[in-house]
Amino acid sequence: MNNFAVIIGMIVSVWIANSYVLKNLMTIGVLSKVHAMTDEKNKKKVSYEITDGMYRFWYRLSRWREQQ
């Protein structure tokens, strides 16, 4: 039972850290939330896109270099 509590605690802490980072990146305009057009009522189906052109360029470049 103790291991289970540790694992759940780790998952929750990662989720909180990720939500904090995502919120800050949206605040400064690097990311934006994209909701599905076909399922507007379901707020849980959300994806994020890079809106800042410089970050989008570097992200694509780094992904391209990983594949080389």
PDB file of N, CA and C in Angstrom:
ATOM      1  N   MET A   1       0.821  -1.192   0.000  1.00  0.00           N
ATOM      2  CA  MET A   1       0.000   0.000   0.000  1.00  0.00           C
ATOM      3  C   MET A   1       0.863   1.253   0.000  1.00  0.00           C
ATOM      4  N   ASN A   2       1.992   1.217   0.671  1.00  0.00           N
ATOM      5  CA  ASN A   2       2.878   2.370   0.734  1.00  0.00           C
ATOM      6  C   ASN A   2       3.431   2.705  -0.642  1.00  0.00           C
ATOM      7  N   ASN A   3       3.809   1.675  -1.421  1.00  0.00           N
ATOM      8  CA  ASN A   3       4.321   1.914  -2.768  1.00  0.00           C
ATOM      9  C   ASN A   3       3.265   2.560  -3.647  1.00  0.00           C
ATOM     10  N   PHE A   4       2.029   2.119  -3.487  1.00  0.00           N
ATOM     11  CA  PHE A   4       0.927   2.693  -4.248  1.00  0.00           C
ATOM     12  C   PHE A   4       0.775   4.179  -3.934  1.00  0.00           C
ATOM     13  N   ALA A   5       0.857   4.550  -2.683  1.00  0.00           N
ATOM     14  CA  ALA A   5       0.731   5.948  -2.276  1.00  0.00           C
ATOM     15  C   ALA A   5       1.879   6.782  -2.851  1.00  0.00           C
ATOM     16  N   VAL A   6       3.070   6.215  -2.873  1.00  0.00           N
ATOM     17  CA  VAL A   6       4.220   6.928  -3.438  1.00  0.00           C
ATOM     18  C   VAL A   6       4.024   7.147  -4.928  1.00  0.00           C
ATOM     19  N   ILE A   7       3.552   6.127  -5.646  1.00  0.00           N
ATOM     20  CA  ILE A   7       3.332   6.244  -7.089  1.00  0.00           C
ATOM     21  C   ILE A   7       2.254   7.277  -7.376  1.00  0.00           C
ATOM     22  N   ILE A   8       1.151   7.238  -6.652  1.00  0.00           N
ATOM     23  CA  ILE A   8       0.081   8.224  -6.838  1.00  0.00           C
ATOM     24  C   ILE A   8       0.594   9.625  -6.536  1.00  0.00           C
ATOM     25  N   GLY A   9       1.381   9.774  -5.496  1.00  0.00           N
ATOM     26  CA  GLY A   9       1.957  11.075  -5.167  1.00  0.00           C
ATOM     27  C   GLY A   9       2.854  11.592  -6.269  1.00  0.00           C
ATOM     28  N   MET A  10       3.624  10.704  -6.866  1.00  0.00           N
ATOM     29  CA  MET A  10       4.499  11.117  -7.971  1.00  0.00           C
ATOM     30  C   MET A  10       3.678  11.537  -9.179  1.00  0.00           C
ATOM     31  N   ILE A  11       2.626  10.797  -9.495  1.00  0.00           N
ATOM     32  CA  ILE A  11       1.774  11.143 -10.637  1.00  0.00           C
ATOM     33  C   ILE A  11       1.115  12.492 -10.417  1.00  0.00           C
ATOM     34  N   VAL A  12       0.593  12.721  -9.224  1.00  0.00           N
ATOM     35  CA  VAL A  12      -0.062  13.993  -8.928  1.00  0.00           C
ATOM     36  C   VAL A  12       0.931  15.141  -8.985  1.00  0.00           C
ATOM     37  N   SER A  13       2.130  14.949  -8.466  1.00  0.00           N
ATOM     38  CA  SER A  13       3.115  16.032  -8.486  1.00  0.00           C
ATOM     39  C   SER A  13       3.554  16.343  -9.911  1.00  0.00           C
ATOM     40  N   VAL A  14       3.685  15.333 -10.757  1.00  0.00           N
ATOM     41  CA  VAL A  14       4.034  15.575 -12.162  1.00  0.00           C
ATOM     42  C   VAL A  14       2.902  16.306 -12.862  1.00  0.00           C
ATOM     43  N   TRP A  15       1.659  15.917 -12.580  1.00  0.00           N
ATOM     44  CA  TRP A  15       0.511  16.574 -13.189  1.00  0.00           C
ATOM     45  C   TRP A  15       0.437  18.043 -12.781  1.00  0.00           C
ATOM     46  N   ILE A  16       0.671  18.319 -11.503  1.00  0.00           N
ATOM     47  CA  ILE A  16       0.639  19.708 -11.023  1.00  0.00           C
ATOM     48  C   ILE A  16       1.776  20.509 -11.654  1.00  0.00           C
ATOM     49  N   ALA A  17       2.955  19.924 -11.744  1.00  0.00           N
ATOM     50  CA  ALA A  17       4.091  20.625 -12.353  1.00  0.00           C
ATOM     51  C   ALA A  17       3.819  20.902 -13.819  1.00  0.00           C
ATOM     52  N   ASN A  18       3.264  19.920 -14.538  1.00  0.00           N
ATOM     53  CA  ASN A  18       2.972  20.126 -15.951  1.00  0.00           C
ATOM     54  C   ASN A  18       1.907  21.180 -16.152  1.00  0.00           C
ATOM     55  N   SER A  19       0.866  21.202 -15.326  1.00  0.00           N
ATOM     56  CA  SER A  19      -0.170  22.209 -15.477  1.00  0.00           C
ATOM     57  C   SER A  19       0.389  23.599 -15.185  1.00  0.00           C
ATOM     58  N   TYR A  20       1.299  23.695 -14.223  1.00  0.00           N
ATOM     59  CA  TYR A  20       1.935  24.974 -13.908  1.00  0.00           C
ATOM     60  C   TYR A  20       2.767  25.468 -15.090  1.00  0.00           C
ATOM     61  N   VAL A  21       3.544  24.569 -15.680  1.00  0.00           N
ATOM     62  CA  VAL A  21       4.388  24.942 -16.820  1.00  0.00           C
ATOM     63  C   VAL A  21       3.523  25.307 -18.021  1.00  0.00           C
ATOM     64  N   LEU A  22       2.500  24.511 -18.302  1.00  0.00           N
ATOM     65  CA  LEU A  22       1.625  24.810 -19.436  1.00  0.00           C
ATOM     66  C   LEU A  22       0.932  26.155 -19.262  1.00  0.00           C
ATOM     67  N   LYS A  23       0.460  26.431 -18.055  1.00  0.00           N
ATOM     68  CA  LYS A  23      -0.219  27.703 -17.803  1.00  0.00           C
ATOM     69  C   LYS A  23       0.734  28.879 -18.020  1.00  0.00           C
ATOM     70  N   ASN A  24       1.968  28.752 -17.550  1.00  0.00           N
ATOM     71  CA  ASN A  24       2.937  29.831 -17.732  1.00  0.00           C
ATOM     72  C   ASN A  24       3.307  30.013 -19.204  1.00  0.00           C
ATOM     73  N   LEU A  25       3.459  28.912 -19.947  1.00  0.00           N
ATOM     74  CA  LEU A  25       3.779  29.026 -21.374  1.00  0.00           C
ATOM     75  C   LEU A  25       2.616  29.643 -22.155  1.00  0.00           C
ATOM     76  N   MET A  26       1.392  29.380 -21.732  1.00  0.00           N
ATOM     77  CA  MET A  26       0.244  30.021 -22.383  1.00  0.00           C
ATOM     78  C   MET A  26       0.177  31.498 -22.035  1.00  0.00           C
ATOM     79  N   THR A  27       0.564  31.850 -20.823  1.00  0.00           N
ATOM     80  CA  THR A  27       0.537  33.249 -20.399  1.00  0.00           C
ATOM     81  C   THR A  27       1.505  34.100 -21.211  1.00  0.00           C
ATOM     82  N   ILE A  28       2.684  33.564 -21.507  1.00  0.00           N
ATOM     83  CA  ILE A  28       3.661  34.358 -22.262  1.00  0.00           C
ATOM     84  C   ILE A  28       3.488  34.213 -23.766  1.00  0.00           C
ATOM     85  N   GLY A  29       2.539  33.386 -24.201  1.00  0.00           N
ATOM     86  CA  GLY A  29       2.213  33.313 -25.624  1.00  0.00           C
ATOM     87  C   GLY A  29       2.994  32.301 -26.429  1.00  0.00           C
ATOM     88  N   VAL A  30       3.621  31.342 -25.787  1.00  0.00           N
ATOM     89  CA  VAL A  30       4.365  30.311 -26.510  1.00  0.00           C
ATOM     90  C   VAL A  30       3.421  29.186 -26.942  1.00  0.00           C
ATOM     91  N   LEU A  31       2.477  28.829 -26.091  1.00  0.00           N
ATOM     92  CA  LEU A  31       1.519  27.760 -26.376  1.00  0.00           C
ATOM     93  C   LEU A  31       0.106  28.309 -26.388  1.00  0.00           C
ATOM     94  N   SER A  32      -0.779  27.593 -27.079  1.00  0.00           N
ATOM     95  CA  SER A  32      -2.198  27.885 -26.992  1.00  0.00           C
ATOM     96  C   SER A  32      -2.969  26.577 -26.957  1.00  0.00           C
ATOM     97  N   LYS A  33      -4.125  26.609 -26.300  1.00  0.00           N
ATOM     98  CA  LYS A  33      -4.990  25.442 -26.202  1.00  0.00           C
ATOM     99  C   LYS A  33      -5.822  25.336 -27.469  1.00  0.00           C
ATOM    100  N   VAL A  34      -5.957  24.120 -27.972  1.00  0.00           N
ATOM    101  CA  VAL A  34      -6.776  23.883 -29.151  1.00  0.00           C
ATOM    102  C   VAL A  34      -7.832  22.846 -28.780  1.00  0.00           C
ATOM    103  N   HIS A  35      -9.089  23.228 -28.909  1.00  0.00           N
ATOM    104  CA  HIS A  35     -10.196  22.317 -28.636  1.00  0.00           C
ATOM    105  C   HIS A  35     -10.641  21.691 -29.951  1.00  0.00           C
ATOM    106  N   ALA A  36     -11.121  20.462 -29.890  1.00  0.00           N
ATOM    107  CA  ALA A  36     -11.601  19.771 -31.086  1.00  0.00           C
ATOM    108  C   ALA A  36     -12.884  20.437 -31.583  1.00  0.00           C
ATOM    109  N   MET A  37     -12.950  20.666 -32.877  1.00  0.00           N
ATOM    110  CA  MET A  37     -14.145  21.289 -33.452  1.00  0.00           C
ATOM    111  C   MET A  37     -15.346  20.347 -33.398  1.00  0.00           C
ATOM    112  N   THR A  38     -15.091  19.058 -33.497  1.00  0.00           N
ATOM    113  CA  THR A  38     -16.180  18.094 -33.529  1.00  0.00           C
ATOM    114  C   THR A  38     -16.723  17.759 -32.150  1.00  0.00           C
ATOM    115  N   ASP A  39     -15.971  18.046 -31.120  1.00  0.00           N
ATOM    116  CA  ASP A  39     -16.375  17.684 -29.759  1.00  0.00           C
ATOM    117  C   ASP A  39     -16.176  18.880 -28.832  1.00  0.00           C
ATOM    118  N   GLU A  40     -16.890  19.968 -29.085  1.00  0.00           N
ATOM    119  CA  GLU A  40     -16.706  21.198 -28.317  1.00  0.00           C
ATOM    120  C   GLU A  40     -17.210  21.077 -26.874  1.00  0.00           C
ATOM    121  N   LYS A  41     -18.154  20.175 -26.629  1.00  0.00           N
ATOM    122  CA  LYS A  41     -18.722  20.043 -25.283  1.00  0.00           C
ATOM    123  C   LYS A  41     -17.780  19.335 -24.326  1.00  0.00           C
ATOM    124  N   ASN A  42     -16.874  18.513 -24.846  1.00  0.00           N
ATOM    125  CA  ASN A  42     -15.948  17.769 -23.993  1.00  0.00           C
ATOM    126  C   ASN A  42     -14.699  18.621 -23.765  1.00  0.00           C
ATOM    127  N   LYS A  43     -14.586  19.179 -22.579  1.00  0.00           N
ATOM    128  CA  LYS A  43     -13.463  20.068 -22.247  1.00  0.00           C
ATOM    129  C   LYS A  43     -12.175  19.312 -21.962  1.00  0.00           C
ATOM    130  N   LYS A  44     -12.249  17.979 -21.817  1.00  0.00           N
ATOM    131  CA  LYS A  44     -11.060  17.203 -21.506  1.00  0.00           C
ATOM    132  C   LYS A  44     -10.239  16.876 -22.747  1.00  0.00           C
ATOM    133  N   LYS A  45     -10.833  16.937 -23.922  1.00  0.00           N
ATOM    134  CA  LYS A  45     -10.108  16.652 -25.153  1.00  0.00           C
ATOM    135  C   LYS A  45      -9.461  17.940 -25.651  1.00  0.00           C
ATOM    136  N   VAL A  46      -8.276  18.192 -25.168  1.00  0.00           N
ATOM    137  CA  VAL A  46      -7.556  19.425 -25.480  1.00  0.00           C
ATOM    138  C   VAL A  46      -6.171  19.054 -25.975  1.00  0.00           C
ATOM    139  N   SER A  47      -5.711  19.756 -26.974  1.00  0.00           N
ATOM    140  CA  SER A  47      -4.317  19.623 -27.382  1.00  0.00           C
ATOM    141  C   SER A  47      -3.691  21.010 -27.326  1.00  0.00           C
ATOM    142  N   TYR A  48      -2.400  21.046 -27.381  1.00  0.00           N
ATOM    143  CA  TYR A  48      -1.675  22.309 -27.312  1.00  0.00           C
ATOM    144  C   TYR A  48      -0.843  22.464 -28.571  1.00  0.00           C
ATOM    145  N   GLU A  49      -0.745  23.695 -29.058  1.00  0.00           N
ATOM    146  CA  GLU A  49       0.104  23.946 -30.213  1.00  0.00           C
ATOM    147  C   GLU A  49       1.066  25.088 -29.902  1.00  0.00           C
ATOM    148  N   ILE A  50       2.227  25.027 -30.534  1.00  0.00           N
ATOM    149  CA  ILE A  50       3.227  26.076 -30.357  1.00  0.00           C
ATOM    150  C   ILE A  50       2.825  27.241 -31.246  1.00  0.00           C
ATOM    151  N   THR A  51       2.557  28.390 -30.642  1.00  0.00           N
ATOM    152  CA  THR A  51       2.096  29.544 -31.415  1.00  0.00           C
ATOM    153  C   THR A  51       3.231  30.499 -31.761  1.00  0.00           C
ATOM    154  N   ASP A  52       4.290  30.478 -30.994  1.00  0.00           N
ATOM    155  CA  ASP A  52       5.425  31.359 -31.259  1.00  0.00           C
ATOM    156  C   ASP A  52       6.267  30.755 -32.381  1.00  0.00           C
ATOM    157  N   GLY A  53       6.504  31.523 -33.427  1.00  0.00           N
ATOM    158  CA  GLY A  53       7.220  31.033 -34.593  1.00  0.00           C
ATOM    159  C   GLY A  53       8.644  30.598 -34.316  1.00  0.00           C
ATOM    160  N   MET A  54       9.342  31.323 -33.448  1.00  0.00           N
ATOM    161  CA  MET A  54      10.725  30.965 -33.146  1.00  0.00           C
ATOM    162  C   MET A  54      10.800  29.611 -32.446  1.00  0.00           C
ATOM    163  N   TYR A  55       9.942  29.384 -31.465  1.00  0.00           N
ATOM    164  CA  TYR A  55       9.944  28.102 -30.754  1.00  0.00           C
ATOM    165  C   TYR A  55       9.504  26.972 -31.672  1.00  0.00           C
ATOM    166  N   ARG A  56       8.535  27.237 -32.555  1.00  0.00           N
ATOM    167  CA  ARG A  56       8.087  26.215 -33.495  1.00  0.00           C
ATOM    168  C   ARG A  56       9.234  25.809 -34.413  1.00  0.00           C
ATOM    169  N   PHE A  57      10.002  26.797 -34.892  1.00  0.00           N
ATOM    170  CA  PHE A  57      11.147  26.510 -35.762  1.00  0.00           C
ATOM    171  C   PHE A  57      12.169  25.642 -35.042  1.00  0.00           C
ATOM    172  N   TRP A  58      12.562  26.013 -33.821  1.00  0.00           N
ATOM    173  CA  TRP A  58      13.580  25.261 -33.093  1.00  0.00           C
ATOM    174  C   TRP A  58      13.093  23.871 -32.706  1.00  0.00           C
ATOM    175  N   TYR A  59      11.806  23.752 -32.408  1.00  0.00           N
ATOM    176  CA  TYR A  59      11.267  22.442 -32.081  1.00  0.00           C
ATOM    177  C   TYR A  59      11.314  21.526 -33.304  1.00  0.00           C
ATOM    178  N   ARG A  60      10.906  22.029 -34.464  1.00  0.00           N
ATOM    179  CA  ARG A  60      10.954  21.223 -35.685  1.00  0.00           C
ATOM    180  C   ARG A  60      12.384  20.887 -36.074  1.00  0.00           C
ATOM    181  N   LEU A  61      13.295  21.827 -35.911  1.00  0.00           N
ATOM    182  CA  LEU A  61      14.694  21.575 -36.237  1.00  0.00           C
ATOM    183  C   LEU A  61      15.273  20.491 -35.332  1.00  0.00           C
ATOM    184  N   SER A  62      14.971  20.564 -34.037  1.00  0.00           N
ATOM    185  CA  SER A  62      15.508  19.559 -33.116  1.00  0.00           C
ATOM    186  C   SER A  62      14.911  18.190 -33.412  1.00  0.00           C
ATOM    187  N   ARG A  63      13.630  18.121 -33.763  1.00  0.00           N
ATOM    188  CA  ARG A  63      13.014  16.837 -34.119  1.00  0.00           C
ATOM    189  C   ARG A  63      13.629  16.275 -35.401  1.00  0.00           C
ATOM    190  N   TRP A  64      13.910  17.142 -36.356  1.00  0.00           N
ATOM    191  CA  TRP A  64      14.525  16.722 -37.615  1.00  0.00           C
ATOM    192  C   TRP A  64      15.925  16.176 -37.374  1.00  0.00           C
ATOM    193  N   ARG A  65      16.679  16.844 -36.495  1.00  0.00           N
ATOM    194  CA  ARG A  65      18.048  16.382 -36.191  1.00  0.00           C
ATOM    195  C   ARG A  65      18.046  15.056 -35.448  1.00  0.00           C
ATOM    196  N   GLU A  66      17.041  14.812 -34.612  1.00  0.00           N
ATOM    197  CA  GLU A  66      16.938  13.524 -33.929  1.00  0.00           C
ATOM    198  C   GLU A  66      16.746  12.388 -34.911  1.00  0.00           C
ATOM    199  N   GLN A  67      16.033  12.644 -35.984  1.00  0.00           N
ATOM    200  CA  GLN A  67      15.743  11.597 -36.974  1.00  0.00           C
ATOM    201  C   GLN A  67      16.937  11.334 -37.892  1.00  0.00           C
ATOM    202  N   GLN A  68      17.858  12.241 -37.984  1.00  0.00           N
ATOM    203  CA  GLN A  68      19.021  12.090 -38.868  1.00  0.00           C
ATOM    204  C   GLN A  68      20.004  11.105 -38.316  1.00  0.00           C
TER     205      GLN A  68
END
